[in-house]
Structure formats: C-alpha cells, structure tokens
Amino acid sequence: MSGISSKGKYGLAAMYQLMQSDKGVAIQIKEIADKANIPKNYLEQILVILKRDGLVKSVRGASGGYMLQKDPKEIMIYDIINALEGGLCNDGVIQSDNDVLNLFWKEKQEKVRDIFNIPLTELKNYERSRQIMYMI
C-alpha cells in the first residue's frame, strides 16, 4: 500500500474539471491544464491512462478534447486513483509469511478502498463546504 503520487492528485483534479464542464462538451487539454494547474505534458500522459481504463474519452476535431466516459455518479474516486497509481489497495500488495500480519494488511487495504470508493460527484459536497466556509 503506498501513498498517492502527483499523478493520482493531478488525475483527480483533471476528472473534477471534466465533471464541471457542460455535459456532452469536450474540453481541450490546455483548458484542463490551466484550470487544474497541471503541466500540459504530464496531463496528456494522465489522460491516456484514464482513457485506457474507460474513465474518459477523446473527441477529435475543432471542438475536440476530452470528456467523461460515463456519468460522474458512476465514476468512483477509487477507480481514478487505482488506475493512475497502478495498484492502490490491490490484494497481495503486501504479503507476509505471518497470517496475523496478512489479516492486518488486508483489513487496512479494505478500509482505504472504502474511503475512496465514493462517486466523483461527492466532490460537489466539498465545493459547497468551501463556499460556506468563505461566507463566514
């Protein structure tokens, strides 16, 4: 089990920006990068992974760019982080010859999975909390 790298953090930020866009409208990489403060070249690599895992799709043409592959209610934050981190909470990441330790690690992996297994739309609640905080 490892921490979340900049790839995971940037990927979640990019997905948040895509969720914010009008449904059915593709956003160009430059716009996503600017709004989420992500280096454009790095974002391109991240979007390739997210596309491969079926989380985003690309649209060609003058009004092309990227958009969510499915409804943001169906996209779990866990799936985004797991796709980009390549093994967050996978069974067998930590193995020991000690059955007690194996049970411990399995339980911790399940708890981490539960923490991140929420829909992308859940970020809107954090957005509301931020707005309330600034109103005070």
Protein backbone atom coordinates (compact mmCIF):
# COMPACT_ATOMS: atom_id res chain seq x y z
CA MET A 1 0.00 0.00 0.00
CA SER A 2 1.51 3.30 -0.98
CA GLY A 3 0.73 6.98 -0.84
CA ILE A 4 -0.86 8.91 -3.66
CA SER A 5 1.60 10.46 -6.09
CA SER A 6 1.26 13.66 -8.10
CA LYS A 7 -0.15 11.53 -10.93
CA GLY A 8 -3.09 10.49 -8.76
CA LYS A 9 -3.62 14.01 -7.43
CA TYR A 10 -3.46 15.58 -10.89
CA GLY A 11 -5.67 12.87 -12.34
CA LEU A 12 -8.37 13.52 -9.77
CA ALA A 13 -8.07 17.27 -10.41
CA ALA A 14 -8.48 16.69 -14.16
CA MET A 15 -11.52 14.48 -13.63
CA TYR A 16 -13.02 17.16 -11.37
CA GLN A 17 -12.56 19.74 -14.14
CA LEU A 18 -14.17 17.41 -16.66
CA MET A 19 -17.10 16.89 -14.30
CA GLN A 20 -17.51 20.67 -14.03
CA SER A 21 -17.89 21.07 -17.79
CA ASP A 22 -21.20 21.08 -19.60
CA LYS A 23 -22.43 17.55 -20.22
CA GLY A 24 -21.55 16.43 -23.73
CA VAL A 25 -18.94 19.17 -24.27
CA ALA A 26 -15.31 18.16 -24.73
CA ILE A 27 -12.62 20.25 -23.04
CA GLN A 28 -9.23 20.80 -24.62
CA ILE A 29 -6.14 19.69 -22.73
CA LYS A 30 -4.84 23.25 -22.43
CA GLU A 31 -8.03 24.38 -20.70
CA ILE A 32 -7.99 21.45 -18.27
CA ALA A 33 -4.30 22.04 -17.54
CA ASP A 34 -4.83 25.76 -16.94
CA LYS A 35 -7.87 25.35 -14.69
CA ALA A 36 -6.39 22.49 -12.66
CA ASN A 37 -2.84 23.89 -12.64
CA ILE A 38 -1.36 20.72 -14.18
CA PRO A 39 1.64 20.70 -16.54
CA LYS A 40 0.18 20.08 -20.01
CA ASN A 41 2.65 17.35 -21.00
CA TYR A 42 2.03 15.47 -17.76
CA LEU A 43 -1.74 15.83 -18.19
CA GLU A 44 -1.52 14.24 -21.64
CA GLN A 45 0.09 11.15 -20.10
CA ILE A 46 -2.54 11.01 -17.36
CA LEU A 47 -5.43 11.30 -19.83
CA VAL A 48 -4.04 8.41 -21.89
CA ILE A 49 -4.22 6.19 -18.81
CA LEU A 50 -7.69 7.40 -17.87
CA LYS A 51 -8.86 6.78 -21.43
CA ARG A 52 -7.36 3.28 -21.46
CA ASP A 53 -9.26 2.49 -18.26
CA GLY A 54 -12.55 3.74 -19.71
CA LEU A 55 -12.90 6.79 -17.48
CA VAL A 56 -12.57 9.47 -20.18
CA LYS A 57 -12.97 9.60 -23.93
CA SER A 58 -11.36 11.82 -26.51
CA VAL A 59 -13.19 13.74 -29.19
CA ARG A 60 -11.45 14.72 -32.40
CA GLY A 61 -11.96 17.84 -34.43
CA ALA A 62 -12.02 21.60 -33.97
CA SER A 63 -14.19 21.39 -30.85
CA GLY A 64 -12.43 18.25 -29.68
CA GLY A 65 -10.84 17.43 -26.39
CA TYR A 66 -11.70 15.15 -23.50
CA MET A 67 -14.86 14.36 -21.63
CA LEU A 68 -16.01 11.85 -19.04
CA GLN A 69 -16.78 8.42 -20.49
CA LYS A 70 -19.81 7.95 -18.25
CA ASP A 71 -21.98 9.79 -15.77
CA PRO A 72 -19.85 11.17 -12.88
CA LYS A 73 -22.19 9.39 -10.42
CA GLU A 74 -20.89 6.11 -11.84
CA ILE A 75 -17.19 7.03 -11.64
CA MET A 76 -15.66 6.15 -8.31
CA ILE A 77 -12.72 8.14 -6.99
CA TYR A 78 -11.17 4.79 -6.11
CA ASP A 79 -11.21 3.80 -9.80
CA ILE A 80 -9.43 7.04 -10.79
CA ILE A 81 -6.73 6.72 -8.14
CA ASN A 82 -6.30 3.00 -8.71
CA ALA A 83 -5.94 3.44 -12.49
CA LEU A 84 -3.24 6.07 -12.08
CA GLU A 85 -1.37 4.61 -9.13
CA GLY A 86 -1.34 1.11 -10.59
CA GLY A 87 -2.08 -0.98 -7.57
CA LEU A 88 -3.52 1.11 -4.77
CA CYS A 89 -5.09 -1.38 -2.38
CA ASN A 90 -4.69 -4.40 -4.63
CA ASP A 91 -4.84 -7.70 -2.83
CA GLY A 92 -1.40 -9.13 -2.46
CA VAL A 93 0.43 -5.79 -2.49
CA ILE A 94 1.78 -6.58 0.94
CA GLN A 95 2.38 -10.24 1.69
CA SER A 96 3.95 -11.73 4.74
CA ASP A 97 4.69 -15.21 6.00
CA ASN A 98 2.74 -14.23 9.09
CA ASP A 99 -1.03 -14.84 8.84
CA VAL A 100 -1.73 -12.24 11.53
CA LEU A 101 0.06 -9.54 9.53
CA ASN A 102 -1.67 -10.64 6.34
CA LEU A 103 -5.05 -10.18 8.05
CA PHE A 104 -3.95 -6.78 9.35
CA TRP A 105 -2.86 -5.56 5.90
CA LYS A 106 -5.97 -6.94 4.23
CA GLU A 107 -8.18 -5.06 6.68
CA LYS A 108 -6.25 -1.82 6.11
CA GLN A 109 -6.45 -2.21 2.33
CA GLU A 110 -10.22 -2.66 2.58
CA LYS A 111 -10.54 0.48 4.72
CA VAL A 112 -8.54 2.54 2.22
CA ARG A 113 -10.69 1.17 -0.59
CA ASP A 114 -13.83 2.15 1.35
CA ILE A 115 -12.54 5.69 1.87
CA PHE A 116 -12.03 6.25 -1.86
CA ASN A 117 -14.99 4.22 -3.09
CA ILE A 118 -17.26 7.25 -3.46
CA PRO A 119 -18.61 8.80 -6.67
CA LEU A 120 -16.82 11.68 -8.33
CA THR A 121 -19.93 13.79 -7.71
CA GLU A 122 -19.13 13.65 -3.98
CA LEU A 123 -16.58 16.40 -4.65
CA LYS A 124 -19.52 18.79 -5.07
CA ASN A 125 -20.16 18.44 -1.32
CA TYR A 126 -16.63 19.64 -0.65
CA GLU A 127 -17.20 22.51 -3.04
CA ARG A 128 -20.30 23.52 -1.05
CA SER A 129 -18.36 23.27 2.22
CA ARG A 130 -15.68 25.55 0.81
CA GLN A 131 -18.29 28.09 -0.28
CA ILE A 132 -19.90 28.07 3.16
CA MET A 133 -16.50 28.48 4.80
CA TYR A 134 -15.79 31.60 2.73
CA MET A 135 -19.19 33.07 3.50
CA ILE A 136 -18.46 33.05 7.25
